[in-house]
């Protein structure tokens, strides 16, 4: 069944006019609906929702990050820069929704090797959820002569299965943050993830060596937004670019035990995609397996 769904998804994604956030349903089945989704706010490129940033981000770090070779070609053949909505959740945007700020139980199977969101924290914990959102869709314009951000924002994600696709976690200002843990190495030395985008506030990673957010066989992509990304990680990422495009054939690597930054204040914004589809970060069986 999963193989047939993935084949169907591949055909859909290769068709013209695809919008970010729309995909064939995978794994989880929906809980019984009880009300329609209504956006309560629009978040343009402002990071993190309501509140005031309280922590000054460090400008130096003793951490070091290796780079690893990209497998396959560059994202979109390197035709566009990294200032695009596939790599930056802040460009794609998200709108607030009034949905339960608790774990949600979906029916269906789960991947025992899915990223664990409680691995962001040391010691591992399930944080309090403080706000829920839906991502926007995107109308692409990335043809010849196009410029960032390569299109315009569309409507809120209309996925009938997932009524939350972006979530705020409560954090303590200054605490170290890690990537969601995963036990499948993608390169020597315990590397489990590769950076797709990094700046001072935002990090996007994939758990493969492919410079992509979609692969027919499956790919997880995690967005972490509104925190102090480690300056050495940002520097390592930018060293692989020329004018916003990939230039070295390599991108930074991350292990489960490597911090990627610190909390800027009392929240961290998270989103996760599986085979390009934005998923519900509250799903107990998918992202919180074994959570304390």
Protein backbone atom coordinates (compact mmCIF):
# COMPACT_ATOMS: atom_id res chain seq x y z
CA UNK A 1 0.00 0.00 0.00
CA UNK A 2 2.79 2.46 0.95
CA UNK A 3 4.61 1.70 -2.33
CA UNK A 4 1.52 2.43 -4.39
CA UNK A 5 0.87 5.67 -2.49
CA UNK A 6 4.43 6.81 -3.06
CA UNK A 7 4.19 6.05 -6.79
CA UNK A 8 1.00 8.12 -6.97
CA UNK A 9 2.63 10.94 -5.00
CA UNK A 10 5.60 10.95 -7.37
CA UNK A 11 3.31 11.46 -10.36
CA UNK A 12 1.44 14.28 -8.62
CA UNK A 13 4.57 16.11 -7.54
CA UNK A 14 6.10 15.97 -10.99
CA UNK A 15 3.03 17.59 -12.50
CA UNK A 16 2.83 21.30 -13.21
CA UNK A 17 1.53 23.84 -10.76
CA UNK A 18 2.18 21.95 -7.52
CA UNK A 19 1.88 24.05 -4.40
CA UNK A 20 3.97 23.49 -1.31
CA UNK A 21 2.04 21.62 1.36
CA UNK A 22 -0.22 19.58 -0.91
CA UNK A 23 0.48 15.85 -1.20
CA UNK A 24 -1.13 12.44 -1.16
CA UNK A 25 -1.96 11.28 2.39
CA UNK A 26 0.67 9.07 4.01
CA UNK A 27 0.75 6.96 7.17
CA UNK A 28 -1.48 8.79 9.60
CA UNK A 29 -5.26 8.75 9.39
CA UNK A 30 -7.25 11.73 10.68
CA UNK A 31 -9.07 11.95 13.98
CA UNK A 32 -12.77 12.72 13.70
CA UNK A 33 -13.21 16.36 12.61
CA UNK A 34 -15.10 18.65 14.90
CA UNK A 35 -14.79 22.10 13.39
CA UNK A 36 -13.38 23.94 10.40
CA UNK A 37 -9.95 25.51 10.53
CA UNK A 38 -9.99 29.28 10.77
CA UNK A 39 -6.76 31.30 10.69
CA UNK A 40 -6.45 33.81 13.51
CA UNK A 41 -3.33 35.60 12.38
CA UNK A 42 -1.02 35.99 9.44
CA UNK A 43 2.69 35.66 9.98
CA UNK A 44 4.67 37.17 7.14
CA UNK A 45 8.44 36.84 7.52
CA UNK A 46 8.26 37.79 11.18
CA UNK A 47 9.77 34.98 13.20
CA UNK A 48 8.13 33.26 16.11
CA UNK A 49 4.70 34.74 16.77
CA UNK A 50 3.82 36.94 19.73
CA UNK A 51 6.19 38.02 22.47
CA UNK A 52 9.49 39.80 22.86
CA UNK A 53 12.91 38.37 22.10
CA UNK A 54 15.01 38.44 25.27
CA UNK A 55 18.29 36.65 24.54
CA UNK A 56 21.11 38.24 22.58
CA UNK A 57 22.52 35.63 20.24
CA UNK A 58 26.22 34.77 20.62
CA UNK A 59 28.52 35.78 17.79
CA UNK A 60 31.22 33.19 18.54
CA UNK A 61 31.20 29.50 19.35
CA UNK A 62 33.67 26.72 20.15
CA UNK A 63 31.58 24.17 18.22
CA UNK A 64 32.75 22.79 14.90
CA UNK A 65 30.75 21.28 12.05
CA UNK A 66 31.98 19.01 9.28
CA UNK A 67 30.77 19.20 5.70
CA UNK A 68 29.75 16.19 3.64
CA UNK A 69 29.27 15.67 -0.11
CA UNK A 70 25.81 16.16 -1.54
CA UNK A 71 24.38 13.03 -3.14
CA UNK A 72 22.89 13.69 -6.56
CA UNK A 73 22.34 17.13 -8.03
CA UNK A 74 21.66 20.50 -6.49
CA UNK A 75 18.17 21.62 -5.51
CA UNK A 76 16.30 22.71 -8.66
CA UNK A 77 19.61 22.34 -10.56
CA UNK A 78 20.95 25.39 -8.68
CA UNK A 79 18.73 27.66 -10.79
CA UNK A 80 17.52 29.58 -7.75
CA UNK A 81 19.10 30.80 -4.53
CA UNK A 82 18.43 29.53 -1.03
CA UNK A 83 16.03 32.43 -0.43
CA UNK A 84 13.05 30.27 -1.29
CA UNK A 85 10.03 28.82 0.58
CA UNK A 86 11.19 25.20 0.38
CA UNK A 87 14.26 26.04 2.46
CA UNK A 88 12.87 28.85 4.61
CA UNK A 89 9.74 28.44 6.69
CA UNK A 90 9.90 32.17 7.40
CA UNK A 91 9.37 32.88 3.70
CA UNK A 92 6.62 30.30 3.26
CA UNK A 93 4.82 31.65 6.33
CA UNK A 94 2.11 30.22 8.56
CA UNK A 95 -1.17 31.32 10.12
CA UNK A 96 -2.37 30.69 13.66
CA UNK A 97 -5.18 28.19 14.25
CA UNK A 98 -7.27 27.34 17.28
CA UNK A 99 -6.46 23.66 17.80
CA UNK A 100 -5.60 21.57 20.89
CA UNK A 101 -2.07 22.13 22.18
CA UNK A 102 -1.61 18.48 23.12
CA UNK A 103 -0.37 15.28 21.53
CA UNK A 104 -2.81 13.84 18.99
CA UNK A 105 -3.41 10.14 18.41
CA UNK A 106 -3.72 9.16 14.75
CA UNK A 107 -4.57 5.68 13.52
CA UNK A 108 -2.39 3.81 11.05
CA UNK A 109 1.21 2.69 11.03
CA UNK A 110 4.33 4.63 11.95
CA UNK A 111 8.00 4.64 11.02
CA UNK A 112 10.15 3.36 13.92
CA UNK A 113 13.00 5.43 12.49
CA UNK A 114 11.12 8.73 12.30
CA UNK A 115 12.83 11.77 13.87
CA UNK A 116 12.10 12.20 17.59
CA UNK A 117 11.11 15.76 18.41
CA UNK A 118 11.85 15.31 22.13
CA UNK A 119 15.50 14.86 21.08
CA UNK A 120 15.72 18.62 20.56
CA UNK A 121 16.20 18.97 24.32
CA UNK A 122 18.80 17.66 26.80
CA UNK A 123 17.68 15.85 28.79
CA UNK A 124 14.98 14.75 26.38
CA UNK A 125 11.54 16.08 27.23
CA UNK A 126 8.14 16.75 25.74
CA UNK A 127 7.82 20.53 25.92
CA UNK A 128 4.63 22.44 26.48
CA UNK A 129 3.03 23.40 23.17
CA UNK A 130 2.23 27.11 23.18
CA UNK A 131 0.79 27.90 19.72
CA UNK A 132 -0.40 26.01 16.64
CA UNK A 133 -0.38 27.06 12.99
CA UNK A 134 -0.95 25.94 9.42
CA UNK A 135 1.64 26.65 6.76
CA UNK A 136 0.72 28.60 3.65
CA UNK A 137 0.74 27.14 0.17
CA UNK A 138 3.04 28.69 -2.42
CA UNK A 139 2.46 29.75 -6.02
CA UNK A 140 5.85 29.18 -7.64
CA UNK A 141 7.48 31.47 -10.19
CA UNK A 142 11.00 30.09 -10.58
CA UNK A 143 11.47 30.26 -14.33
CA UNK A 144 14.20 32.14 -16.22
CA UNK A 145 14.73 35.64 -14.87
CA UNK A 146 12.81 35.00 -11.65
CA UNK A 147 14.00 36.53 -8.39
CA UNK A 148 13.64 35.63 -4.69
CA UNK A 149 11.36 34.51 -3.19
CA UNK A 150 10.32 32.89 -6.50
CA UNK A 151 6.59 33.32 -6.36
CA UNK A 152 4.01 34.40 -3.86
CA UNK A 153 2.18 33.09 -0.85
CA UNK A 154 -1.11 31.33 -1.46
CA UNK A 155 -3.90 30.23 0.85
CA UNK A 156 -3.47 28.35 4.10
CA UNK A 157 -2.70 24.66 3.72
CA UNK A 158 -5.97 22.86 2.99
CA UNK A 159 -4.76 19.37 3.95
CA UNK A 160 -7.93 17.58 5.17
CA UNK A 161 -5.96 15.25 7.45
CA UNK A 162 -3.69 17.59 9.40
CA UNK A 163 -5.15 20.65 11.07
CA UNK A 164 -1.81 21.72 12.56
CA UNK A 165 1.46 21.70 10.60
CA UNK A 166 3.58 24.21 12.53
CA UNK A 167 3.98 24.25 16.30
CA UNK A 168 5.60 26.42 18.97
CA UNK A 169 7.48 24.67 21.78
CA UNK A 170 8.11 26.31 25.14
CA UNK A 171 11.84 26.77 25.79
CA UNK A 172 14.07 28.31 28.44
CA UNK A 173 16.10 31.25 27.16
CA UNK A 174 19.70 30.23 26.60
CA UNK A 175 19.20 26.46 26.78
CA UNK A 176 21.10 24.42 24.15
CA UNK A 177 19.04 23.01 21.31
CA UNK A 178 19.71 19.96 19.14
CA UNK A 179 18.12 18.50 16.02
CA UNK A 180 15.34 15.93 16.43
CA UNK A 181 17.22 12.67 16.96
CA UNK A 182 17.23 9.85 14.43
CA UNK A 183 19.12 6.57 14.56
CA UNK A 184 19.92 6.09 10.86
CA UNK A 185 23.38 7.42 9.86
CA UNK A 186 23.74 9.03 6.44
CA UNK A 187 27.54 9.36 6.50
CA UNK A 188 30.57 8.22 8.48
CA UNK A 189 31.16 9.48 12.01
CA UNK A 190 27.57 9.21 13.19
CA UNK A 191 26.21 11.90 10.86
CA UNK A 192 22.41 11.70 10.72
CA UNK A 193 21.39 14.97 9.03
CA UNK A 194 22.53 17.56 6.51
CA UNK A 195 21.81 21.30 6.51
CA UNK A 196 19.67 22.69 3.71
CA UNK A 197 19.57 26.24 5.10
CA UNK A 198 21.04 28.11 8.04
CA UNK A 199 21.05 31.71 9.17
CA UNK A 200 21.12 33.42 12.55
CA UNK A 201 17.44 32.62 13.30
CA UNK A 202 16.52 29.65 11.19
CA UNK A 203 17.71 26.11 10.41
CA UNK A 204 16.39 23.59 7.89
CA UNK A 205 17.75 20.04 7.77
CA UNK A 206 17.20 16.81 5.89
CA UNK A 207 17.93 13.30 7.10
CA UNK A 208 19.56 12.38 3.79
CA UNK A 209 22.48 13.69 1.74
CA UNK A 210 20.12 14.88 -1.00
CA UNK A 211 19.78 18.61 -1.61
CA UNK A 212 16.01 18.27 -1.79
CA UNK A 213 12.74 18.38 0.12
CA UNK A 214 11.18 15.58 -1.93
CA UNK A 215 12.35 12.09 -2.92
CA UNK A 216 10.03 9.36 -4.25
CA UNK A 217 11.39 6.88 -1.71
CA UNK A 218 10.80 9.16 1.27
CA UNK A 219 12.59 12.06 2.94
CA UNK A 220 12.18 13.88 6.25
CA UNK A 221 12.80 17.63 6.41
CA UNK A 222 12.69 19.58 9.69
CA UNK A 223 12.38 23.35 10.10
CA UNK A 224 13.55 25.04 13.31
CA UNK A 225 12.76 28.74 13.53
CA UNK A 226 13.18 31.61 15.97
CA UNK A 227 16.28 30.53 17.90
CA UNK A 228 19.96 31.47 17.97
CA UNK A 229 21.56 29.18 15.41
CA UNK A 230 25.18 28.41 16.29
CA UNK A 231 27.36 30.98 14.49
CA UNK A 232 29.86 28.30 13.49
CA UNK A 233 27.09 26.32 11.82
CA UNK A 234 25.91 29.41 9.96
CA UNK A 235 29.49 30.10 8.85
CA UNK A 236 29.98 26.50 7.72
CA UNK A 237 26.81 26.70 5.66
CA UNK A 238 27.61 30.04 4.04
CA UNK A 239 31.09 28.81 3.12
CA UNK A 240 29.39 26.35 0.74
CA UNK A 241 27.57 29.11 -1.18
CA UNK A 242 28.31 31.71 -3.80
CA UNK A 243 25.70 34.46 -4.12
CA UNK A 244 23.14 32.25 -2.39
CA UNK A 245 23.70 29.21 -4.60
CA UNK A 246 25.52 25.97 -3.83
CA UNK A 247 29.13 26.15 -4.98
CA UNK A 248 31.21 23.36 -3.39
CA UNK A 249 29.11 20.21 -3.73
CA UNK A 250 29.04 19.95 0.07
CA UNK A 251 26.81 21.02 2.96
CA UNK A 252 27.23 20.93 6.76
CA UNK A 253 26.65 17.66 8.60
CA UNK A 254 25.03 17.21 12.02
CA UNK A 255 25.15 14.39 14.56
CA UNK A 256 22.55 13.69 17.22
CA UNK A 257 24.92 14.84 19.98
CA UNK A 258 25.81 18.20 18.40
CA UNK A 259 24.05 21.34 19.64
CA UNK A 260 22.87 23.54 16.79
CA UNK A 261 22.18 26.68 18.83
CA UNK A 262 20.46 28.04 21.90
CA UNK A 263 16.92 29.16 22.69
CA UNK A 264 16.49 32.87 22.08
CA UNK A 265 13.61 33.18 24.53
CA UNK A 266 10.64 31.08 25.60
CA UNK A 267 9.65 29.51 22.29
CA UNK A 268 10.91 27.52 19.32
CA UNK A 269 8.89 27.06 16.13
CA UNK A 270 8.97 23.63 14.49
CA UNK A 271 7.62 22.05 11.30
CA UNK A 272 8.31 18.65 9.75
CA UNK A 273 7.74 17.28 6.26
CA UNK A 274 7.56 13.67 5.09
CA UNK A 275 7.84 13.12 1.33
CA UNK A 276 7.26 16.88 0.87
CA UNK A 277 4.01 16.91 2.85
CA UNK A 278 3.76 19.06 5.97
CA UNK A 279 2.82 16.76 8.84
CA UNK A 280 1.24 17.31 12.26
CA UNK A 281 4.07 17.77 14.81
CA UNK A 282 1.65 16.76 17.57
CA UNK A 283 1.31 13.17 16.28
CA UNK A 284 2.21 10.94 19.20
CA UNK A 285 2.92 7.80 17.18
CA UNK A 286 5.12 9.53 14.62
CA UNK A 287 7.38 12.08 16.33
CA UNK A 288 7.07 11.34 20.06
CA UNK A 289 7.79 7.61 20.19
CA UNK A 290 9.49 6.87 23.51
CA UNK A 291 9.09 10.43 24.77
CA UNK A 292 9.52 10.80 28.55
